Amino acid sequence: MEQNKSAMIAIEIDGASHCALARQGQDRKKQALLESLGWIVLRFTNRQVLEDLPTCVQTVLSTTSKSREITTTS
């Protein structure tokens, strides 16, 4: 997981191990904890990153842009 602590955005890239039910439960708990602390969690699969990187990058850029707008106007 990559974290940008100033923007409070976490980016998760999930590989094949995240298909396991136990791992999905762990992922949900971690995401819920981060979100309860005010983090935005972006989750992509390896396949999404490998097959459609531009869309993944656009999602991240859009989210960071919105995050900056919220931060600067509060």
Protein backbone atom coordinates (compact mmCIF):
# COMPACT_ATOMS: atom_id res chain seq x y z
CA MET A 1 0.00 0.00 0.00
CA GLU A 2 1.28 3.43 -0.92
CA GLN A 3 0.31 6.24 1.44
CA ASN A 4 0.35 10.00 1.07
CA LYS A 5 -0.07 11.13 4.66
CA SER A 6 -0.59 14.82 3.82
CA ALA A 7 -3.44 14.07 1.40
CA MET A 8 -4.72 11.12 3.44
CA ILE A 9 -5.13 8.97 0.36
CA ALA A 10 -4.12 5.30 0.39
CA ILE A 11 -3.72 3.36 -2.86
CA GLU A 12 -4.10 -0.41 -2.76
CA ILE A 13 -3.07 -2.63 -5.65
CA ASP A 14 -4.57 -6.06 -5.08
CA GLY A 15 -2.92 -9.15 -6.52
CA ALA A 16 -4.30 -12.65 -6.85
CA SER A 17 -4.04 -13.33 -3.10
CA HIS A 18 -6.82 -10.79 -2.53
CA CYS A 19 -9.33 -13.21 -4.07
CA ALA A 20 -9.16 -15.39 -0.95
CA LEU A 21 -12.07 -14.83 1.44
CA ALA A 22 -9.76 -14.45 4.44
CA ARG A 23 -7.76 -11.77 2.66
CA GLN A 24 -10.93 -9.97 1.57
CA GLY A 25 -12.00 -9.82 5.21
CA GLN A 26 -8.62 -8.36 6.19
CA ASP A 27 -8.88 -5.83 3.36
CA ARG A 28 -12.35 -4.74 4.47
CA LYS A 29 -11.17 -4.27 8.07
CA LYS A 30 -8.13 -2.27 7.01
CA GLN A 31 -10.15 -0.12 4.64
CA ALA A 32 -12.85 0.52 7.28
CA LEU A 33 -10.20 1.55 9.80
CA LEU A 34 -8.50 3.92 7.36
CA GLU A 35 -11.81 5.44 6.31
CA SER A 36 -12.85 5.90 9.95
CA LEU A 37 -9.66 7.93 10.39
CA GLY A 38 -10.54 10.14 7.45
CA TRP A 39 -8.47 8.44 4.75
CA ILE A 40 -9.66 7.98 1.17
CA VAL A 41 -8.83 4.45 -0.02
CA LEU A 42 -8.44 3.77 -3.74
CA ARG A 43 -8.33 0.09 -4.62
CA PHE A 44 -7.24 -1.34 -7.97
CA THR A 45 -6.54 -4.89 -9.07
CA ASN A 46 -3.27 -5.87 -10.69
CA ARG A 47 -5.26 -6.53 -13.85
CA GLN A 48 -6.70 -3.01 -13.89
CA VAL A 49 -3.23 -1.51 -13.50
CA LEU A 50 -1.70 -3.74 -16.17
CA GLU A 51 -4.53 -3.47 -18.69
CA ASP A 52 -5.83 0.06 -18.12
CA LEU A 53 -3.17 2.11 -16.35
CA PRO A 54 -4.36 5.45 -17.81
CA THR A 55 -7.76 5.06 -16.13
CA CYS A 56 -6.13 4.14 -12.80
CA VAL A 57 -3.83 7.17 -13.02
CA GLN A 58 -6.77 9.42 -13.90
CA THR A 59 -8.69 8.16 -10.88
CA VAL A 60 -5.74 8.92 -8.61
CA LEU A 61 -5.19 12.38 -10.13
CA SER A 62 -8.88 13.22 -9.89
CA THR A 63 -9.03 12.11 -6.27
CA THR A 64 -5.89 14.01 -5.27
CA SER A 65 -7.18 17.11 -7.04
CA LYS A 66 -10.50 16.94 -5.18
CA SER A 67 -8.65 16.29 -1.92
CA ARG A 68 -6.56 19.43 -2.40
CA GLU A 69 -9.70 21.48 -3.12
CA ILE A 70 -11.35 20.27 0.08
CA THR A 71 -8.18 20.86 2.11
CA THR A 72 -7.55 24.39 0.81
CA THR A 73 -11.13 25.63 1.23
CA SER A 74 -11.73 24.37 4.76
